[in-house]
Amino acid sequence: MATLAELLRELKDRSGLSYGVLAKRLHMSTSTLHRYCNGDAVPTEFAPVERFARLCKASPDELVEVHRRWILADAARGKKAEPERAEPAPVRPEPAQAPPGPERENPDSEPESVTDRPRRSPARRRRPLILAAAVAAVVGISSVALAMNGDSDNGKKRDTGAAASPRPGDSPDAAPTGKDGNKGDDQKKDDDKKEDGASASPSRSGGPDHKTTRGPGKGPASAGGNSGSTFDVPVTVRTRPYAMDDPCMQDFLVNRKASEVPEQPAVQDAAGWVGDLGAVPAGRQLIEVTVQGTGDETVVLQDMNVRVQSTSAPLAWNNFQMATGCGGDVDPKSFSIDLDDGSPHLKPQSGQRDFPYKVSEKDPEVFFIIANTDLHDVRWYLELEWSSGKRHDSLRIDDQSKPFRTSGKKGRPTYGWPPGSDKWSRQLQDG
């Protein structure tokens, strides 16, 4: 299978640019770029890879392929980085020191001669004594435990409460109500994976961190589906909520004066720029969603729904226009959303087919979601419905546990950063 490094070298050779020129434009060392192109290292983020491909004049199809190969390379690196769990060597307890004194019952018997036969080691001679002492201790403890849990309460046994007590982090409402309150082995394994799934996967709809409202019949799992465990989801989702690939201009509303707003960021630095300023995408927001399976099994992506959390009047802030440079057309797997619609939903663009889609670990899918609004300030998120075998559930897709936010910009003062300028300038035509 072709690798990410092979495609990067192909793009570099075709561009005619040297490693030094590319490294300078990418703000990285030449040796680091060499390692990426030789396959000795994989970037931890996709942004420098995307920037490299664009500098090499990659086509839209090649950009998608670069992204797909980076996802696979990143996943392969994660597997190699997992430390192998070696089974601990059994620790043999040190034998207890026997109390001083005669070891034999017959004091008149002759002592053993050292020269007649090999002497048994002290550990061997003491082992029967240690075993006998251990057995006696266990019997004694068991007797005390039975006495404490026996008929001490007027002949009634005390309930330990272990089966009914929820573990830390479980709400009382989530405690089982059946005859057996103990969690099964599968649930315990899922809980052990909590640390693994916290960073890469989006939060699940309806979980304790997100109390959301759903439309009719759109619950997180219908009867007979998934067991309800948060961490057995067979897909992971990555989002780029501030993708600035197309159109040529991307607008953001910022609640600051133009003199207080720093220069427009590079594409890979957009998320940090937006976060530092509290900026909100204006009029149009492009979100890149990458869905990948976690194993060889095929996962069917049944549908992707739009959930609106709140709607209010557009923000009365200044509008700042980012000149991102016109690339190619947006990838065919693009869907638009009219957030001003009373019931917003995804609409396939450019003849693209609608859901369902299929993914696995080796075959991810990349979707471009284009949200538009002129009349409102909208907080919203997506819900991805999936199924695999007898399991089916839904995932919430948002901006790091917060809803996406898109606001209209009509009539707002608009500023641009002309080429060669050192400050924002007021545009002739406002948003």
Protein backbone atom coordinates (compact mmCIF):
# COMPACT_ATOMS: atom_id res chain seq x y z
CA MET A 1 0.00 0.00 0.00
CA ALA A 2 1.35 3.44 -0.93
CA THR A 3 2.49 5.46 2.07
CA LEU A 4 2.22 9.08 3.11
CA ALA A 5 5.98 9.59 2.62
CA GLU A 6 5.81 8.36 -0.98
CA LEU A 7 3.06 10.81 -1.83
CA LEU A 8 4.91 13.70 -0.13
CA ARG A 9 8.06 12.93 -2.12
CA GLU A 10 6.05 12.75 -5.33
CA LEU A 11 4.49 16.17 -4.68
CA LYS A 12 7.84 17.66 -3.72
CA ASP A 13 9.61 16.36 -6.85
CA ARG A 14 6.80 17.59 -9.07
CA SER A 15 6.86 21.07 -7.52
CA GLY A 16 10.54 21.61 -8.33
CA LEU A 17 11.06 23.27 -4.92
CA SER A 18 14.02 22.32 -2.76
CA TYR A 19 13.75 21.01 0.79
CA GLY A 20 15.28 24.26 2.05
CA VAL A 21 12.71 26.47 0.33
CA LEU A 22 9.79 24.31 1.46
CA ALA A 23 11.09 24.10 5.04
CA LYS A 24 11.45 27.89 5.22
CA ARG A 25 7.89 28.46 4.01
CA LEU A 26 6.58 25.83 6.42
CA HIS A 27 8.53 27.36 9.36
CA MET A 28 10.29 24.08 10.18
CA SER A 29 13.82 22.73 9.92
CA THR A 30 15.07 21.06 6.75
CA SER A 31 15.98 17.90 8.67
CA THR A 32 12.41 17.61 10.00
CA LEU A 33 10.99 17.90 6.49
CA HIS A 34 13.48 15.25 5.30
CA ARG A 35 12.22 12.88 8.00
CA TYR A 36 8.60 13.41 6.96
CA CYS A 37 9.37 12.72 3.30
CA ASN A 38 11.54 9.69 4.09
CA GLY A 39 8.90 8.13 6.33
CA ASP A 40 11.10 8.33 9.46
CA ALA A 41 8.52 10.49 11.25
CA VAL A 42 4.82 11.37 11.00
CA PRO A 43 3.55 14.88 11.91
CA THR A 44 1.36 14.88 15.00
CA GLU A 45 -1.05 17.31 13.30
CA PHE A 46 -2.40 17.35 9.75
CA ALA A 47 -1.93 21.12 9.33
CA PRO A 48 1.77 21.06 8.27
CA VAL A 49 1.08 18.19 5.89
CA GLU A 50 -1.78 20.09 4.29
CA ARG A 51 0.34 23.25 4.04
CA PHE A 52 3.13 21.24 2.38
CA ALA A 53 0.68 19.76 -0.16
CA ARG A 54 -0.74 23.18 -1.01
CA LEU A 55 2.73 24.67 -1.49
CA CYS A 56 3.39 21.82 -3.92
CA LYS A 57 0.18 22.71 -5.86
CA ALA A 58 -1.68 19.52 -4.94
CA SER A 59 -5.08 19.05 -6.59
CA PRO A 60 -8.27 18.70 -4.49
CA ASP A 61 -8.24 14.91 -5.02
CA GLU A 62 -4.60 14.77 -3.98
CA LEU A 63 -5.37 16.80 -0.83
CA VAL A 64 -8.02 14.27 0.15
CA GLU A 65 -5.60 11.41 -0.54
CA VAL A 66 -2.89 13.12 1.53
CA HIS A 67 -5.34 13.45 4.40
CA ARG A 68 -6.40 9.81 4.12
CA ARG A 69 -2.80 8.58 4.17
CA TRP A 70 -1.92 10.83 7.10
CA ILE A 71 -4.82 9.37 9.11
CA LEU A 72 -3.56 5.83 8.44
CA ALA A 73 0.05 6.77 9.25
CA ASP A 74 -1.01 8.52 12.45
CA ALA A 75 -3.03 5.48 13.53
CA ALA A 76 -0.12 3.13 12.75
CA ARG A 77 2.24 5.31 14.80
CA GLY A 78 -0.15 5.20 17.75
CA LYS A 79 -0.15 1.39 17.68
CA LYS A 80 3.66 1.23 17.59
CA ALA A 81 3.89 3.65 20.51
CA GLU A 82 1.80 1.48 22.80
CA PRO A 83 4.14 -0.10 25.35
CA GLU A 84 4.07 -3.86 25.37
CA ARG A 85 2.62 -5.10 28.58
CA ALA A 86 5.03 -7.68 29.96
CA GLU A 87 3.63 -10.05 32.50
CA PRO A 88 5.25 -9.46 35.88
CA ALA A 89 7.52 -12.25 37.04
CA PRO A 90 6.07 -14.10 39.97
CA VAL A 91 7.55 -12.84 43.22
CA ARG A 92 8.45 -15.62 45.59
CA PRO A 93 7.92 -14.47 49.16
CA GLU A 94 10.87 -14.60 51.47
CA PRO A 95 10.48 -17.40 53.99
CA ALA A 96 9.65 -16.22 57.46
CA GLN A 97 12.35 -16.60 60.06
CA ALA A 98 11.60 -19.52 62.35
CA PRO A 99 11.72 -18.77 66.08
CA PRO A 100 14.93 -19.82 67.80
CA GLY A 101 14.87 -23.10 69.66
CA PRO A 102 15.16 -26.83 69.05
CA GLU A 103 13.66 -28.04 65.79
CA ARG A 104 13.24 -31.70 66.79
CA GLU A 105 11.01 -33.14 69.47
CA ASN A 106 13.59 -35.66 70.76
CA PRO A 107 16.29 -33.74 72.59
CA ASP A 108 18.29 -36.94 73.28
CA SER A 109 18.74 -37.86 69.64
CA GLU A 110 22.13 -37.45 68.12
CA PRO A 111 22.67 -34.36 65.94
CA GLU A 112 22.96 -34.96 62.24
CA SER A 113 26.44 -35.30 60.92
CA VAL A 114 27.28 -32.71 58.29
CA THR A 115 29.52 -35.13 56.45
CA ASP A 116 27.02 -38.05 56.26
CA ARG A 117 24.54 -36.43 53.80
CA PRO A 118 23.72 -33.01 52.26
CA ARG A 119 22.00 -30.68 54.66
CA ARG A 120 18.52 -29.51 53.66
CA SER A 121 18.29 -25.76 53.16
CA PRO A 122 16.62 -23.71 55.95
CA ALA A 123 13.92 -22.57 53.46
CA ARG A 124 12.93 -26.21 52.76
CA ARG A 125 12.77 -27.12 56.41
CA ARG A 126 10.66 -24.06 57.21
CA ARG A 127 8.22 -24.35 54.29
CA PRO A 128 5.85 -26.83 56.03
CA LEU A 129 5.80 -24.58 59.08
CA ILE A 130 4.97 -21.52 56.95
CA LEU A 131 2.19 -23.32 55.07
CA ALA A 132 0.70 -24.57 58.30
CA ALA A 133 0.78 -21.06 59.78
CA ALA A 134 -0.84 -19.58 56.65
CA VAL A 135 -3.67 -22.15 56.71
CA ALA A 136 -4.31 -21.45 60.37
CA ALA A 137 -4.42 -17.70 59.71
CA VAL A 138 -6.92 -18.08 56.84
CA VAL A 139 -9.17 -20.31 58.93
CA GLY A 140 -9.06 -17.82 61.79
CA ILE A 141 -9.88 -14.82 59.58
CA SER A 142 -12.73 -16.70 57.90
CA SER A 143 -14.21 -17.57 61.27
CA VAL A 144 -14.10 -13.94 62.40
CA ALA A 145 -15.69 -12.76 59.13
CA LEU A 146 -18.49 -15.30 59.42
CA ALA A 147 -19.13 -14.25 62.97
CA MET A 148 -19.29 -10.55 62.02
CA ASN A 149 -21.63 -11.13 59.06
CA GLY A 150 -23.71 -13.78 60.77
CA ASP A 151 -26.67 -13.51 63.08
CA SER A 152 -25.43 -10.46 64.95
CA ASP A 153 -28.55 -8.42 64.12
CA ASN A 154 -31.28 -10.49 65.76
CA GLY A 155 -30.69 -13.36 63.40
CA LYS A 156 -30.73 -11.18 60.24
CA LYS A 157 -27.71 -11.12 57.93
CA ARG A 158 -26.33 -7.69 57.13
CA ASP A 159 -26.26 -6.53 53.54
CA THR A 160 -22.80 -5.43 52.41
CA GLY A 161 -24.30 -3.10 49.78
CA ALA A 162 -21.52 -3.88 47.28
CA ALA A 163 -23.86 -4.85 44.47
CA ALA A 164 -26.06 -1.76 44.68
CA SER A 165 -23.38 0.88 45.24
CA PRO A 166 -22.56 2.76 42.05
CA ARG A 167 -18.90 3.30 41.28
CA PRO A 168 -17.39 6.79 41.37
CA GLY A 169 -18.60 8.78 38.37
CA ASP A 170 -21.86 6.81 37.96
CA SER A 171 -25.06 8.65 38.73
CA PRO A 172 -27.56 7.00 41.04
CA ASP A 173 -30.06 6.96 38.20
CA ALA A 174 -27.69 4.86 36.14
CA ALA A 175 -27.52 2.07 38.73
CA PRO A 176 -29.00 -1.22 37.45
CA THR A 177 -32.54 -2.00 38.54
CA GLY A 178 -32.57 -5.72 37.73
CA LYS A 179 -32.00 -8.63 40.09
CA ASP A 180 -28.26 -8.54 39.68
CA GLY A 181 -26.70 -5.11 40.25
CA ASN A 182 -23.17 -6.22 39.38
CA LYS A 183 -21.69 -4.92 36.13
CA GLY A 184 -20.63 -7.49 33.56
CA ASP A 185 -17.11 -8.13 32.38
CA ASP A 186 -17.72 -6.24 29.14
CA GLN A 187 -18.70 -3.10 31.05
CA LYS A 188 -15.60 -3.33 33.23
CA LYS A 189 -13.40 -3.63 30.14
CA ASP A 190 -15.11 -0.60 28.66
CA ASP A 191 -14.44 1.43 31.81
CA ASP A 192 -10.76 0.52 31.58
CA LYS A 193 -10.69 2.12 28.14
CA LYS A 194 -11.94 5.49 29.38
CA GLU A 195 -8.52 7.10 29.20
CA ASP A 196 -8.08 5.83 25.63
CA GLY A 197 -11.29 7.28 24.24
CA ALA A 198 -11.34 10.61 25.98
CA SER A 199 -9.12 12.52 23.59
CA ALA A 200 -9.80 11.29 20.12
CA SER A 201 -13.50 10.59 20.05
CA PRO A 202 -16.28 13.16 20.29
CA SER A 203 -18.56 13.13 23.27
CA ARG A 204 -21.50 10.84 22.99
CA SER A 205 -24.97 12.27 22.70
CA GLY A 206 -26.99 12.12 25.85
CA GLY A 207 -23.95 11.44 28.06
CA PRO A 208 -23.48 13.08 31.44
CA ASP A 209 -21.47 15.95 29.95
CA HIS A 210 -24.07 16.92 27.34
CA LYS A 211 -27.74 17.25 28.10
CA THR A 212 -29.17 17.79 24.67
CA THR A 213 -32.61 17.93 23.13
CA ARG A 214 -33.46 15.58 20.30
CA GLY A 215 -36.10 15.39 17.68
CA PRO A 216 -38.75 12.68 17.75
CA GLY A 217 -37.31 9.19 17.57
CA LYS A 218 -33.68 10.35 17.51
CA GLY A 219 -32.42 8.90 20.77
CA PRO A 220 -28.85 7.74 21.22
CA ALA A 221 -29.75 4.06 20.89
CA SER A 222 -33.03 2.35 20.19
CA ALA A 223 -34.22 -0.68 22.10
CA GLY A 224 -32.23 -3.82 21.48
CA GLY A 225 -29.22 -1.89 20.22
CA ASN A 226 -26.02 -0.94 21.99
CA SER A 227 -25.59 -1.84 25.62
CA GLY A 228 -25.17 1.83 26.42
CA SER A 229 -21.45 1.81 27.15
CA THR A 230 -19.74 5.04 26.09
CA PHE A 231 -16.44 3.44 25.20
CA ASP A 232 -17.33 0.57 22.86
CA VAL A 233 -18.04 2.93 19.94
CA PRO A 234 -16.34 1.42 16.84
CA VAL A 235 -15.59 4.79 15.17
CA THR A 236 -13.52 7.87 15.94
CA VAL A 237 -14.24 11.37 14.63
CA ARG A 238 -11.83 14.27 14.03
CA THR A 239 -13.09 17.77 13.28
CA ARG A 240 -11.54 20.96 11.90
CA PRO A 241 -14.20 23.55 12.77
CA TYR A 242 -12.35 26.50 11.19
CA ALA A 243 -11.17 25.03 7.90
CA MET A 244 -10.25 27.90 5.58
CA ASP A 245 -9.80 26.03 2.30
CA ASP A 246 -12.59 27.66 0.30
CA PRO A 247 -14.00 30.09 -0.66
CA CYS A 248 -11.24 32.62 -1.28
CA MET A 249 -12.46 34.69 1.68
CA GLN A 250 -13.36 33.44 5.16
CA ASP A 251 -14.98 35.94 7.55
CA PHE A 252 -14.87 36.06 11.34
CA LEU A 253 -16.70 38.36 13.74
CA VAL A 254 -14.50 39.69 16.57
CA ASN A 255 -15.61 41.86 19.48
CA ARG A 256 -12.55 44.14 19.26
CA LYS A 257 -11.34 47.22 17.44
CA ALA A 258 -9.32 46.65 14.29
CA SER A 259 -6.20 48.03 15.99
CA GLU A 260 -6.49 45.33 18.67
CA VAL A 261 -6.75 42.37 16.28
CA PRO A 262 -3.48 40.63 15.24
CA GLU A 263 -2.62 39.79 11.65
CA GLN A 264 -4.65 37.10 9.91
CA PRO A 265 -3.30 33.61 10.67
CA ALA A 266 -1.96 30.92 8.38
CA VAL A 267 -4.41 28.12 7.62
CA GLN A 268 -2.88 25.76 10.19
CA ASP A 269 -3.03 28.44 12.91
CA ALA A 270 -6.68 29.40 12.42
CA ALA A 271 -7.97 27.47 15.47
CA GLY A 272 -5.54 29.20 17.82
CA TRP A 273 -6.31 32.64 16.36
CA VAL A 274 -10.05 32.08 16.74
CA GLY A 275 -9.69 30.77 20.29
CA ASP A 276 -7.48 33.65 21.47
CA LEU A 277 -9.87 36.29 20.13
CA GLY A 278 -13.16 34.52 20.81
CA ALA A 279 -13.94 34.94 17.10
CA VAL A 280 -17.09 33.52 15.50
CA PRO A 281 -17.35 32.37 11.84
CA ALA A 282 -19.42 34.94 9.95
CA GLY A 283 -22.03 34.10 7.34
CA ARG A 284 -20.43 30.82 6.31
CA GLN A 285 -18.50 28.15 8.22
CA LEU A 286 -16.60 25.25 6.66
CA ILE A 287 -16.12 22.23 8.94
CA GLU A 288 -14.06 19.19 7.99
CA VAL A 289 -15.22 15.93 9.60
CA THR A 290 -13.12 12.76 9.31
CA VAL A 291 -14.73 9.48 10.38
CA GLN A 292 -12.62 6.33 10.77
CA GLY A 293 -13.32 2.86 12.10
CA THR A 294 -11.33 1.50 15.03
CA GLY A 295 -10.92 -2.01 13.64
CA ASP A 296 -11.36 -4.24 10.61
CA GLU A 297 -15.12 -4.47 11.04
CA THR A 298 -17.23 -2.32 8.72
CA VAL A 299 -19.25 0.44 10.38
CA VAL A 300 -22.24 1.89 8.52
CA LEU A 301 -22.78 5.64 8.92
CA GLN A 302 -26.55 5.74 8.64
CA ASP A 303 -27.14 9.49 8.80
CA MET A 304 -25.85 12.83 10.07
CA ASN A 305 -28.38 15.16 11.69
CA VAL A 306 -28.25 18.85 12.63
CA ARG A 307 -29.20 19.81 16.20
CA VAL A 308 -29.74 23.52 17.00
CA GLN A 309 -29.00 24.40 20.62
CA SER A 310 -29.88 28.11 20.53
CA THR A 311 -30.72 30.89 18.08
CA SER A 312 -30.46 34.65 18.66
CA ALA A 313 -29.89 37.90 16.77
CA PRO A 314 -26.62 38.20 14.78
CA LEU A 315 -23.60 39.47 16.70
CA ALA A 316 -23.00 43.24 16.45
CA TRP A 317 -19.22 42.85 16.13
CA ASN A 318 -16.63 43.87 13.56
CA ASN A 319 -16.13 41.54 10.62
CA PHE A 320 -12.58 40.52 9.61
CA GLN A 321 -12.01 39.01 6.18
CA MET A 322 -9.32 36.34 5.72
CA ALA A 323 -7.78 36.06 2.26
CA THR A 324 -6.91 32.36 2.24
CA GLY A 325 -5.96 32.09 -1.41
CA CYS A 326 -8.25 30.34 -3.85
CA GLY A 327 -7.63 26.63 -3.94
CA GLY A 328 -9.56 24.08 -5.93
CA ASP A 329 -13.21 23.24 -5.47
CA VAL A 330 -14.36 21.72 -2.21
CA ASP A 331 -14.15 17.93 -2.17
CA PRO A 332 -17.24 16.26 -3.71
CA LYS A 333 -18.22 14.79 -0.31
CA SER A 334 -19.64 18.13 0.80
CA PHE A 335 -22.96 18.95 2.44
CA SER A 336 -24.56 22.34 3.07
CA ILE A 337 -26.73 23.47 5.98
CA ASP A 338 -29.10 26.45 5.98
CA LEU A 339 -29.11 27.43 9.66
CA ASP A 340 -31.84 30.02 8.98
CA ASP A 341 -34.20 27.19 8.06
CA GLY A 342 -36.78 26.24 10.68
CA SER A 343 -35.57 22.63 10.50
CA PRO A 344 -31.97 22.67 9.23
CA HIS A 345 -30.59 19.51 7.67
CA LEU A 346 -27.68 18.36 5.52
CA LYS A 347 -28.06 18.70 1.75
CA PRO A 348 -25.59 16.95 -0.59
CA GLN A 349 -23.72 19.31 -2.93
CA SER A 350 -22.43 18.98 -6.50
CA GLY A 351 -24.28 15.75 -7.21
CA GLN A 352 -22.82 14.06 -4.14
CA ARG A 353 -24.84 11.09 -2.87
CA ASP A 354 -26.49 11.20 0.53
CA PHE A 355 -25.93 8.89 3.49
CA PRO A 356 -25.37 6.01 4.30
CA TYR A 357 -21.59 5.51 4.00
CA LYS A 358 -19.27 2.75 5.22
CA VAL A 359 -15.95 3.13 7.08
CA SER A 360 -13.30 0.93 8.67
CA GLU A 361 -9.84 1.51 10.11
CA LYS A 362 -8.25 1.35 6.65
CA ASP A 363 -11.03 3.20 4.81
CA PRO A 364 -11.93 6.51 6.50
CA GLU A 365 -14.31 9.07 5.04
CA VAL A 366 -13.82 12.86 4.97
CA PHE A 367 -16.88 15.12 4.84
CA PHE A 368 -17.02 18.89 4.35
CA ILE A 369 -19.93 20.55 6.14
CA ILE A 370 -20.78 24.08 4.93
CA ALA A 371 -23.07 25.95 7.34
CA ASN A 372 -24.68 29.23 6.24
CA THR A 373 -26.65 31.89 8.10
CA ASP A 374 -27.58 35.52 7.36
CA LEU A 375 -30.24 36.21 9.99
CA HIS A 376 -29.12 34.61 13.25
CA ASP A 377 -26.38 33.77 15.71
CA VAL A 378 -26.70 29.97 15.93
CA ARG A 379 -25.18 27.45 18.32
CA TRP A 380 -25.48 23.97 16.87
CA TYR A 381 -23.88 20.52 16.60
CA LEU A 382 -24.11 17.33 14.54
CA GLU A 383 -25.28 13.83 15.45
CA LEU A 384 -23.80 10.88 13.56
CA GLU A 385 -25.92 7.72 13.56
CA TRP A 386 -23.90 4.51 13.11
CA SER A 387 -24.47 0.77 13.17
CA SER A 388 -22.20 -2.26 13.29
CA GLY A 389 -23.73 -5.71 13.47
CA LYS A 390 -26.38 -5.66 16.17
CA ARG A 391 -25.07 -2.44 17.70
CA HIS A 392 -26.35 0.99 16.73
CA ASP A 393 -26.03 4.33 18.42
CA SER A 394 -25.23 8.00 17.75
CA LEU A 395 -22.25 10.29 18.36
CA ARG A 396 -22.29 14.00 19.04
CA ILE A 397 -19.88 15.96 16.82
CA ASP A 398 -18.96 19.41 18.12
CA ASP A 399 -16.09 21.81 18.80
CA GLN A 400 -14.21 20.22 21.72
CA SER A 401 -17.32 19.59 23.82
CA LYS A 402 -18.82 22.97 22.85
CA PRO A 403 -21.41 23.57 20.12
CA PHE A 404 -20.34 25.07 16.82
CA ARG A 405 -21.25 28.75 16.52
CA THR A 406 -22.02 30.64 13.30
CA SER A 407 -23.43 34.16 13.04
CA GLY A 408 -24.80 36.38 10.28
CA LYS A 409 -22.65 39.37 9.26
CA LYS A 410 -24.90 41.61 7.15
CA GLY A 411 -24.24 45.32 7.68
CA ARG A 412 -21.27 44.76 9.97
CA PRO A 413 -18.11 46.90 9.51
CA THR A 414 -15.71 44.77 7.47
CA TYR A 415 -11.90 44.90 7.55
CA GLY A 416 -9.28 43.29 5.32
CA TRP A 417 -5.49 42.84 5.41
CA PRO A 418 -4.23 43.90 1.95
CA PRO A 419 -1.03 42.26 0.62
CA GLY A 420 2.05 44.13 1.84
CA SER A 421 0.07 45.98 4.51
CA ASP A 422 0.85 45.97 8.21
CA LYS A 423 -2.63 46.61 9.55
CA TRP A 424 -6.33 45.97 9.00
CA SER A 425 -8.09 48.38 6.60
CA ARG A 426 -11.81 49.17 6.34
CA GLN A 427 -13.37 47.72 3.22
CA LEU A 428 -15.57 49.78 0.90
CA GLN A 429 -18.43 47.29 1.20
CA ASP A 430 -19.43 46.04 4.63
CA GLY A 431 -20.57 42.51 5.39
